[in-house]
Amino acid sequence: MRGYVVMLGVLAASWGALYLFIKVGVEVLEPAPMLCLGLILAFAALFPVLALASGVRGAVSAIKETGRGGALLGLINMAIPFTLI
């Protein structure tokens, strides 16, 4: 249970940082690349935690299992709204 709390905290921090710096970042970058950068940074922070918790093969299989559902959720919740900014 504690591992999930840590991952949720890292996710919240990276997600919140994206929104915190988007006002400044939009002056330099468009919203879509800013979103991609935030997602890449969140993945870079969370994948090692997941790999430590379940092993690299377990982490990759967990990502594969959530592939289509996660992609659809990301499209609806993030990609479409950020392109409308």
Protein backbone atom coordinates (compact mmCIF):
# COMPACT_ATOMS: atom_id res chain seq x y z
CA MET A 1 0.00 0.00 0.00
CA ARG A 2 2.80 2.42 0.88
CA GLY A 3 4.35 2.05 -2.59
CA TYR A 4 1.16 3.24 -4.21
CA VAL A 5 1.06 6.29 -1.96
CA VAL A 6 4.59 7.21 -3.04
CA MET A 7 3.72 6.73 -6.73
CA LEU A 8 0.56 8.77 -6.31
CA GLY A 9 2.56 11.54 -4.64
CA VAL A 10 5.11 11.61 -7.47
CA LEU A 11 2.32 11.61 -10.03
CA ALA A 12 0.54 14.48 -8.27
CA ALA A 13 3.76 16.47 -8.00
CA SER A 14 4.64 16.02 -11.68
CA TRP A 15 1.08 16.67 -12.79
CA GLY A 16 0.79 19.76 -10.60
CA ALA A 17 4.14 21.05 -11.79
CA LEU A 18 2.91 20.80 -15.36
CA TYR A 19 -0.06 23.02 -14.58
CA LEU A 20 2.05 25.32 -12.42
CA PHE A 21 4.54 26.02 -15.19
CA ILE A 22 2.17 25.93 -18.16
CA LYS A 23 1.52 29.66 -17.97
CA VAL A 24 5.24 30.34 -18.31
CA GLY A 25 5.85 27.47 -20.70
CA VAL A 26 3.10 28.43 -23.14
CA GLU A 27 5.03 31.60 -23.93
CA VAL A 28 7.89 29.40 -25.21
CA LEU A 29 6.19 26.11 -26.17
CA GLU A 30 2.79 25.22 -27.55
CA PRO A 31 0.44 23.35 -25.17
CA ALA A 32 0.82 19.96 -26.90
CA PRO A 33 4.65 19.76 -26.62
CA MET A 34 4.37 21.01 -23.05
CA LEU A 35 1.96 18.15 -22.32
CA CYS A 36 4.31 15.64 -23.94
CA LEU A 37 7.22 16.93 -21.89
CA GLY A 38 5.19 16.60 -18.70
CA LEU A 39 4.15 13.05 -19.55
CA ILE A 40 7.72 12.06 -20.39
CA LEU A 41 8.97 13.48 -17.10
CA ALA A 42 6.19 11.72 -15.18
CA PHE A 43 7.02 8.42 -16.88
CA ALA A 44 10.72 8.90 -16.16
CA ALA A 45 9.93 9.45 -12.49
CA LEU A 46 7.31 6.70 -12.06
CA PHE A 47 8.74 3.83 -14.11
CA PRO A 48 11.74 3.26 -11.83
CA VAL A 49 9.41 3.16 -8.81
CA LEU A 50 7.17 0.62 -10.55
CA ALA A 51 10.21 -1.37 -11.66
CA LEU A 52 11.51 -1.47 -8.09
CA ALA A 53 8.13 -2.59 -6.79
CA SER A 54 7.45 -5.35 -9.34
CA GLY A 55 10.64 -5.84 -11.34
CA VAL A 56 11.33 -4.55 -14.82
CA ARG A 57 9.43 -7.37 -16.55
CA GLY A 58 6.48 -6.89 -14.20
CA ALA A 59 6.51 -3.15 -14.84
CA VAL A 60 6.55 -3.62 -18.61
CA SER A 61 3.73 -6.18 -18.44
CA ALA A 62 1.69 -3.86 -16.20
CA ILE A 63 2.12 -1.06 -18.74
CA LYS A 64 1.12 -3.39 -21.59
CA GLU A 65 -2.00 -4.51 -19.69
CA THR A 66 -3.20 -0.95 -19.28
CA GLY A 67 -2.22 0.08 -22.83
CA ARG A 68 -5.48 0.65 -24.68
CA GLY A 69 -7.47 1.80 -21.67
CA GLY A 70 -4.71 4.15 -20.57
CA ALA A 71 -4.30 5.55 -24.08
CA LEU A 72 -8.04 6.17 -24.40
CA LEU A 73 -8.17 7.81 -20.98
CA GLY A 74 -5.17 9.98 -21.83
CA LEU A 75 -6.73 11.00 -25.12
CA ILE A 76 -10.02 12.00 -23.53
CA ASN A 77 -8.62 13.63 -20.39
CA MET A 78 -5.44 15.26 -21.64
CA ALA A 79 -4.80 15.29 -25.39
CA ILE A 80 -8.12 16.70 -26.54
CA PRO A 81 -8.38 19.44 -23.86
CA PHE A 82 -4.76 20.54 -24.32
CA THR A 83 -5.18 20.89 -28.08
CA LEU A 84 -8.19 23.12 -27.46
CA ILE A 85 -6.17 25.59 -25.35
